[in-house]
Each structure stands twice: as structure tokens, then as C-alpha cells.
Amino acid sequence: MNRLLKLAIVGLVASCGGGSYEAPRNLDNACALVAERPAYYRAMKAAERRWGVPIHVQMASIHQESKFVGDARTPHQYALGVIPIGRQSSAYGYSQALDGTWEEYVQETGNRRARRDDIRDATDFMGWYMHGSSQALGISKWDATSQYLAYHEGRSGFARRSYLGKSWLVRVAGRVGQRAEMYRAQLVSCRRA
């Protein structure tokens, strides 16, 4: 009986834990990704229903931002190459949402329990942000390249076309667009689109 009680306690603690934040094994195959992590698909489908942002656009953006690592953070910065002075930004989680933008999302949606390291909240945040970009800037929710530029630069930066001075960012956004199209075709092939 004592051993059984210990196993039950271990099982209970394990089920309540923070979960695994490791990336799925195959990030280049949308069908394999959703087969390995069905909760990701359910979360993106819910965000698509609520905000109208297609799953493949969400997937490509999350891939670029965090490679599907739930507790992803920006690297530390160092003074004199050795003294840690903090992180590059407050970006955190699947969506790499900044503190201020996340607080705006929580306030507007009333989702007070939202966490950036929860895939459901992260995809809802991304849908919320891209829906807002569509309304404010007229960007199609299917245009992963432009949505990513607005996501990265902020809506006012996108409106000012600040990305034009960042050739590296334009290349990255182009890759996000290509990946979104690849994911879209894959999801169609496995009947998930």
C-alpha cells in the first residue's frame, strides 16, 4: 500500500507540472507536428475560429519566433563580454510576446490567467494581434510575410515601413511566408486545413 501511495503522489505531481517546453521533433512537417502535439493543432484551430488567422500563418510565425519552445527567451546581454546585464528584450514564450503587448492583450480580452508559455494563450494572443493588424493596417490574415513584419516591428513601425531599412528582417519575413505556404500545403495533404 505504501508503494502504491508513493506512485499515486508522483503521478499527481507529474500531471500538475509545468509541462514540457521542448520543441516537437519535426518542425518542417506540419502533419508530423500536429500528430506529435495535437494540443497545438487544437489551440491554433481555436485561434483561427476566434480571430480568423489561418493555422499555417500562426504555425510559421511561431516557428520563427520560438521554434515551438514554450519557455523561449531572448539571449542575455553581457557588459565587457562577461558581466550579465539582462536580456535583449522581455519577449517570452511560444509567441515571444513583449511584456507591454501581452498586458494589452490581457486587458483587452479579459484573459487574466493567460500565460505566454501556454500554447492556447500564445496562439490566441497571436490571433488577436494579427486580427488587430488586419483591422488597423489592412493586412490580409493570409499574408504571413506582411503579418510577420507587423508583428515584429509593431503596427506603427509597419505603417512607417521601418522594415525597409532592415534587409535581414525582410529576408526573415520572406522565409516566414514561404514556410507558411509549405505548412498550408502539408496541412491540406493530411486533411488538417
C-alpha atoms as a PDB file:
ATOM      1  CA  MET A   1       0.000   0.000   0.000  1.00  0.00           C
ATOM      2  CA  ASN A   2       2.816   2.403   0.859  1.00  0.00           C
ATOM      3  CA  ARG A   3       4.425   1.898  -2.553  1.00  0.00           C
ATOM      4  CA  LEU A   4       1.090   2.442  -4.316  1.00  0.00           C
ATOM      5  CA  LEU A   5       0.546   5.690  -2.416  1.00  0.00           C
ATOM      6  CA  LYS A   6       4.010   6.919  -3.430  1.00  0.00           C
ATOM      7  CA  LEU A   7       3.305   6.130  -7.090  1.00  0.00           C
ATOM      8  CA  ALA A   8      -0.013   7.963  -6.905  1.00  0.00           C
ATOM      9  CA  ILE A   9       1.666  11.035  -5.414  1.00  0.00           C
ATOM     10  CA  VAL A  10       4.399  11.008  -8.073  1.00  0.00           C
ATOM     11  CA  GLY A  11       1.743  10.652 -10.783  1.00  0.00           C
ATOM     12  CA  LEU A  12      -0.286  13.525  -9.359  1.00  0.00           C
ATOM     13  CA  VAL A  13       2.722  15.814  -9.089  1.00  0.00           C
ATOM     14  CA  ALA A  14       3.838  14.951 -12.618  1.00  0.00           C
ATOM     15  CA  SER A  15       0.394  15.688 -14.023  1.00  0.00           C
ATOM     16  CA  CYS A  16       0.323  19.118 -12.382  1.00  0.00           C
ATOM     17  CA  GLY A  17       3.786  20.152 -13.505  1.00  0.00           C
ATOM     18  CA  GLY A  18       4.607  22.966 -15.885  1.00  0.00           C
ATOM     19  CA  GLY A  19       4.848  20.584 -18.797  1.00  0.00           C
ATOM     20  CA  SER A  20       7.483  20.032 -21.392  1.00  0.00           C
ATOM     21  CA  TYR A  21       8.591  23.077 -23.313  1.00  0.00           C
ATOM     22  CA  GLU A  22      10.794  21.161 -25.749  1.00  0.00           C
ATOM     23  CA  ALA A  23      10.259  21.668 -29.449  1.00  0.00           C
ATOM     24  CA  PRO A  24       8.466  18.987 -31.450  1.00  0.00           C
ATOM     25  CA  ARG A  25      10.788  16.626 -33.323  1.00  0.00           C
ATOM     26  CA  ASN A  26       9.945  17.574 -36.927  1.00  0.00           C
ATOM     27  CA  LEU A  27       9.434  21.305 -37.392  1.00  0.00           C
ATOM     28  CA  ASP A  28       9.493  21.020 -41.187  1.00  0.00           C
ATOM     29  CA  ASN A  29       6.375  18.867 -41.458  1.00  0.00           C
ATOM     30  CA  ALA A  30       3.088  20.366 -40.281  1.00  0.00           C
ATOM     31  CA  CYS A  31       1.335  16.979 -40.326  1.00  0.00           C
ATOM     32  CA  ALA A  32       4.016  15.379 -38.159  1.00  0.00           C
ATOM     33  CA  LEU A  33       3.970  18.381 -35.844  1.00  0.00           C
ATOM     34  CA  VAL A  34       0.217  18.201 -35.225  1.00  0.00           C
ATOM     35  CA  ALA A  35       0.347  14.404 -34.905  1.00  0.00           C
ATOM     36  CA  GLU A  36       3.020  14.726 -32.211  1.00  0.00           C
ATOM     37  CA  ARG A  37       1.343  17.676 -30.468  1.00  0.00           C
ATOM     38  CA  PRO A  38      -2.420  17.549 -31.084  1.00  0.00           C
ATOM     39  CA  ALA A  39      -2.912  20.237 -28.419  1.00  0.00           C
ATOM     40  CA  TYR A  40      -1.011  22.671 -30.674  1.00  0.00           C
ATOM     41  CA  TYR A  41      -3.424  21.997 -33.508  1.00  0.00           C
ATOM     42  CA  ARG A  42      -6.459  22.413 -31.239  1.00  0.00           C
ATOM     43  CA  ALA A  43      -5.068  25.704 -29.919  1.00  0.00           C
ATOM     44  CA  MET A  44      -4.359  27.077 -33.401  1.00  0.00           C
ATOM     45  CA  LYS A  45      -7.767  25.919 -34.641  1.00  0.00           C
ATOM     46  CA  ALA A  46      -9.443  27.753 -31.749  1.00  0.00           C
ATOM     47  CA  ALA A  47      -7.472  30.928 -32.536  1.00  0.00           C
ATOM     48  CA  GLU A  48      -8.408  30.574 -36.206  1.00  0.00           C
ATOM     49  CA  ARG A  49     -12.111  30.312 -35.293  1.00  0.00           C
ATOM     50  CA  ARG A  50     -11.934  33.287 -32.918  1.00  0.00           C
ATOM     51  CA  TRP A  51      -9.688  35.660 -34.873  1.00  0.00           C
ATOM     52  CA  GLY A  52      -9.724  34.378 -38.466  1.00  0.00           C
ATOM     53  CA  VAL A  53      -5.954  33.896 -38.712  1.00  0.00           C
ATOM     54  CA  PRO A  54      -5.213  30.660 -40.611  1.00  0.00           C
ATOM     55  CA  ILE A  55      -3.378  27.865 -38.831  1.00  0.00           C
ATOM     56  CA  HIS A  56      -0.485  27.850 -41.298  1.00  0.00           C
ATOM     57  CA  VAL A  57       0.168  31.575 -40.700  1.00  0.00           C
ATOM     58  CA  GLN A  58       0.217  31.001 -36.933  1.00  0.00           C
ATOM     59  CA  MET A  59       2.486  27.963 -37.290  1.00  0.00           C
ATOM     60  CA  ALA A  60       5.041  29.751 -39.459  1.00  0.00           C
ATOM     61  CA  SER A  61       5.129  32.750 -37.124  1.00  0.00           C
ATOM     62  CA  ILE A  62       5.537  30.606 -34.009  1.00  0.00           C
ATOM     63  CA  HIS A  63       8.253  28.629 -35.773  1.00  0.00           C
ATOM     64  CA  GLN A  64      10.158  31.850 -36.461  1.00  0.00           C
ATOM     65  CA  GLU A  65       9.629  33.312 -33.014  1.00  0.00           C
ATOM     66  CA  SER A  66      10.358  30.328 -30.761  1.00  0.00           C
ATOM     67  CA  LYS A  67      10.723  27.127 -32.820  1.00  0.00           C
ATOM     68  CA  PHE A  68       7.765  25.927 -30.695  1.00  0.00           C
ATOM     69  CA  VAL A  69       9.743  26.140 -27.441  1.00  0.00           C
ATOM     70  CA  GLY A  70       7.248  27.213 -24.781  1.00  0.00           C
ATOM     71  CA  ASP A  71       9.681  28.959 -22.441  1.00  0.00           C
ATOM     72  CA  ALA A  72      11.851  30.587 -25.116  1.00  0.00           C
ATOM     73  CA  ARG A  73      13.567  33.821 -24.123  1.00  0.00           C
ATOM     74  CA  THR A  74      15.865  36.248 -25.858  1.00  0.00           C
ATOM     75  CA  PRO A  75      19.579  35.811 -25.147  1.00  0.00           C
ATOM     76  CA  HIS A  76      21.334  37.540 -22.270  1.00  0.00           C
ATOM     77  CA  GLN A  77      23.406  40.642 -22.938  1.00  0.00           C
ATOM     78  CA  TYR A  78      26.840  40.981 -21.383  1.00  0.00           C
ATOM     79  CA  ALA A  79      28.945  44.005 -20.460  1.00  0.00           C
ATOM     80  CA  LEU A  80      32.622  43.537 -21.232  1.00  0.00           C
ATOM     81  CA  GLY A  81      31.679  40.158 -22.630  1.00  0.00           C
ATOM     82  CA  VAL A  82      31.267  38.518 -19.212  1.00  0.00           C
ATOM     83  CA  ILE A  83      29.011  40.533 -16.878  1.00  0.00           C
ATOM     84  CA  PRO A  84      25.333  39.674 -17.437  1.00  0.00           C
ATOM     85  CA  ILE A  85      23.201  42.829 -17.713  1.00  0.00           C
ATOM     86  CA  GLY A  86      19.829  41.342 -18.631  1.00  0.00           C
ATOM     87  CA  ARG A  87      18.055  40.047 -21.689  1.00  0.00           C
ATOM     88  CA  GLN A  88      17.761  41.725 -25.068  1.00  0.00           C
ATOM     89  CA  SER A  89      14.023  42.221 -24.526  1.00  0.00           C
ATOM     90  CA  SER A  90      11.108  41.000 -22.429  1.00  0.00           C
ATOM     91  CA  ALA A  91       9.982  38.623 -25.214  1.00  0.00           C
ATOM     92  CA  TYR A  92       8.937  35.269 -23.773  1.00  0.00           C
ATOM     93  CA  GLY A  93       7.109  32.085 -24.675  1.00  0.00           C
ATOM     94  CA  TYR A  94       5.829  30.498 -27.858  1.00  0.00           C
ATOM     95  CA  SER A  95       4.826  33.823 -29.387  1.00  0.00           C
ATOM     96  CA  GLN A  96       7.755  35.839 -27.982  1.00  0.00           C
ATOM     97  CA  ALA A  97       5.256  38.432 -26.788  1.00  0.00           C
ATOM     98  CA  LEU A  98       6.729  41.502 -25.110  1.00  0.00           C
ATOM     99  CA  ASP A  99       5.556  42.415 -21.604  1.00  0.00           C
ATOM    100  CA  GLY A 100       3.678  45.544 -22.682  1.00  0.00           C
ATOM    101  CA  THR A 101       1.913  43.948 -25.640  1.00  0.00           C
ATOM    102  CA  TRP A 102       0.974  40.923 -23.546  1.00  0.00           C
ATOM    103  CA  GLU A 103      -0.511  43.209 -20.863  1.00  0.00           C
ATOM    104  CA  GLU A 104      -2.539  44.983 -23.566  1.00  0.00           C
ATOM    105  CA  TYR A 105      -3.829  41.595 -24.779  1.00  0.00           C
ATOM    106  CA  VAL A 106      -4.783  40.511 -21.247  1.00  0.00           C
ATOM    107  CA  GLN A 107      -6.591  43.798 -20.621  1.00  0.00           C
ATOM    108  CA  GLU A 108      -8.473  43.805 -23.943  1.00  0.00           C
ATOM    109  CA  THR A 109      -9.514  40.152 -23.842  1.00  0.00           C
ATOM    110  CA  GLY A 110     -10.076  39.894 -20.088  1.00  0.00           C
ATOM    111  CA  ASN A 111      -7.984  36.710 -20.061  1.00  0.00           C
ATOM    112  CA  ARG A 112      -6.348  37.418 -16.685  1.00  0.00           C
ATOM    113  CA  ARG A 113      -4.981  33.879 -16.322  1.00  0.00           C
ATOM    114  CA  ALA A 114      -3.239  33.911 -19.725  1.00  0.00           C
ATOM    115  CA  ARG A 115       0.363  32.697 -19.797  1.00  0.00           C
ATOM    116  CA  ARG A 116       2.870  33.152 -22.581  1.00  0.00           C
ATOM    117  CA  ASP A 117       4.196  29.619 -22.076  1.00  0.00           C
ATOM    118  CA  ASP A 118       0.729  28.090 -22.652  1.00  0.00           C
ATOM    119  CA  ILE A 119       0.166  27.229 -26.327  1.00  0.00           C
ATOM    120  CA  ARG A 120      -3.560  28.069 -26.133  1.00  0.00           C
ATOM    121  CA  ASP A 121      -2.882  31.535 -24.770  1.00  0.00           C
ATOM    122  CA  ALA A 122       0.074  32.128 -27.097  1.00  0.00           C
ATOM    123  CA  THR A 123      -1.918  31.255 -30.228  1.00  0.00           C
ATOM    124  CA  ASP A 124      -4.881  33.307 -29.023  1.00  0.00           C
ATOM    125  CA  PHE A 125      -2.503  36.224 -28.473  1.00  0.00           C
ATOM    126  CA  MET A 126      -1.049  35.820 -31.951  1.00  0.00           C
ATOM    127  CA  GLY A 127      -4.532  35.665 -33.483  1.00  0.00           C
ATOM    128  CA  TRP A 128      -5.572  38.745 -31.508  1.00  0.00           C
ATOM    129  CA  TYR A 129      -2.511  40.690 -32.641  1.00  0.00           C
ATOM    130  CA  MET A 130      -2.794  39.698 -36.305  1.00  0.00           C
ATOM    131  CA  HIS A 131      -6.547  40.420 -36.305  1.00  0.00           C
ATOM    132  CA  GLY A 132      -5.725  43.881 -34.978  1.00  0.00           C
ATOM    133  CA  SER A 133      -3.088  44.356 -37.679  1.00  0.00           C
ATOM    134  CA  SER A 134      -5.623  43.359 -40.300  1.00  0.00           C
ATOM    135  CA  GLN A 135      -8.115  45.899 -38.987  1.00  0.00           C
ATOM    136  CA  ALA A 136      -5.642  48.744 -38.417  1.00  0.00           C
ATOM    137  CA  LEU A 137      -3.372  48.250 -41.426  1.00  0.00           C
ATOM    138  CA  GLY A 138      -5.482  46.333 -43.925  1.00  0.00           C
ATOM    139  CA  ILE A 139      -3.096  43.351 -43.961  1.00  0.00           C
ATOM    140  CA  SER A 140      -4.726  40.125 -45.108  1.00  0.00           C
ATOM    141  CA  LYS A 141      -4.780  37.490 -42.395  1.00  0.00           C
ATOM    142  CA  TRP A 142      -3.477  35.061 -45.048  1.00  0.00           C
ATOM    143  CA  ASP A 143      -0.412  37.241 -45.816  1.00  0.00           C
ATOM    144  CA  ALA A 144       2.135  35.640 -43.485  1.00  0.00           C
ATOM    145  CA  THR A 145       5.003  37.824 -44.735  1.00  0.00           C
ATOM    146  CA  SER A 146       3.310  41.164 -44.026  1.00  0.00           C
ATOM    147  CA  GLN A 147       1.679  39.902 -40.832  1.00  0.00           C
ATOM    148  CA  TYR A 148       5.109  38.849 -39.568  1.00  0.00           C
ATOM    149  CA  LEU A 149       6.626  42.250 -40.431  1.00  0.00           C
ATOM    150  CA  ALA A 150       3.835  43.987 -38.483  1.00  0.00           C
ATOM    151  CA  TYR A 151       4.250  41.501 -35.630  1.00  0.00           C
ATOM    152  CA  HIS A 152       7.994  42.092 -35.424  1.00  0.00           C
ATOM    153  CA  GLU A 153       8.059  45.855 -35.986  1.00  0.00           C
ATOM    154  CA  GLY A 154       4.796  46.713 -34.281  1.00  0.00           C
ATOM    155  CA  ARG A 155       1.901  48.268 -36.138  1.00  0.00           C
ATOM    156  CA  SER A 156       3.293  51.796 -36.096  1.00  0.00           C
ATOM    157  CA  GLY A 157       6.687  50.538 -37.312  1.00  0.00           C
ATOM    158  CA  PHE A 158       4.996  48.633 -40.110  1.00  0.00           C
ATOM    159  CA  ALA A 159       2.961  51.712 -41.068  1.00  0.00           C
ATOM    160  CA  ARG A 160       6.210  53.755 -41.187  1.00  0.00           C
ATOM    161  CA  ARG A 161       7.766  50.924 -43.241  1.00  0.00           C
ATOM    162  CA  SER A 162      10.671  50.717 -40.791  1.00  0.00           C
ATOM    163  CA  TYR A 163      11.433  47.212 -42.054  1.00  0.00           C
ATOM    164  CA  LEU A 164      12.705  48.671 -45.359  1.00  0.00           C
ATOM    165  CA  GLY A 165      15.891  49.677 -43.546  1.00  0.00           C
ATOM    166  CA  LYS A 166      16.365  46.115 -42.268  1.00  0.00           C
ATOM    167  CA  SER A 167      17.185  43.832 -45.176  1.00  0.00           C
ATOM    168  CA  TRP A 168      17.766  40.915 -42.780  1.00  0.00           C
ATOM    169  CA  LEU A 169      14.204  41.285 -41.451  1.00  0.00           C
ATOM    170  CA  VAL A 170      12.721  41.420 -44.946  1.00  0.00           C
ATOM    171  CA  ARG A 171      14.554  38.142 -45.713  1.00  0.00           C
ATOM    172  CA  VAL A 172      13.294  36.562 -42.477  1.00  0.00           C
ATOM    173  CA  ALA A 173       9.712  37.656 -43.212  1.00  0.00           C
ATOM    174  CA  GLY A 174      10.036  36.163 -46.700  1.00  0.00           C
ATOM    175  CA  ARG A 175      11.088  32.857 -45.141  1.00  0.00           C
ATOM    176  CA  VAL A 176       8.078  33.033 -42.798  1.00  0.00           C
ATOM    177  CA  GLY A 177       5.853  33.477 -45.854  1.00  0.00           C
ATOM    178  CA  GLN A 178       7.477  30.509 -47.601  1.00  0.00           C
ATOM    179  CA  ARG A 179       7.176  28.332 -44.511  1.00  0.00           C
ATOM    180  CA  ALA A 180       3.514  29.306 -44.133  1.00  0.00           C
ATOM    181  CA  GLU A 181       2.848  28.207 -47.708  1.00  0.00           C
ATOM    182  CA  MET A 182       4.723  24.940 -47.101  1.00  0.00           C
ATOM    183  CA  TYR A 183       2.706  24.311 -43.931  1.00  0.00           C
ATOM    184  CA  ARG A 184      -0.546  25.148 -45.758  1.00  0.00           C
ATOM    185  CA  ALA A 185       0.158  22.591 -48.490  1.00  0.00           C
ATOM    186  CA  GLN A 186       1.143  19.965 -45.914  1.00  0.00           C
ATOM    187  CA  LEU A 187      -1.991  20.541 -43.852  1.00  0.00           C
ATOM    188  CA  VAL A 188      -4.100  20.134 -46.987  1.00  0.00           C
ATOM    189  CA  SER A 189      -2.325  16.846 -47.758  1.00  0.00           C
ATOM    190  CA  CYS A 190      -3.106  15.410 -44.327  1.00  0.00           C
ATOM    191  CA  ARG A 191      -6.613  16.903 -44.351  1.00  0.00           C
ATOM    192  CA  ARG A 192      -5.990  19.327 -41.478  1.00  0.00           C
ATOM    193  CA  ALA A 193      -6.609  22.519 -43.471  1.00  0.00           C
END
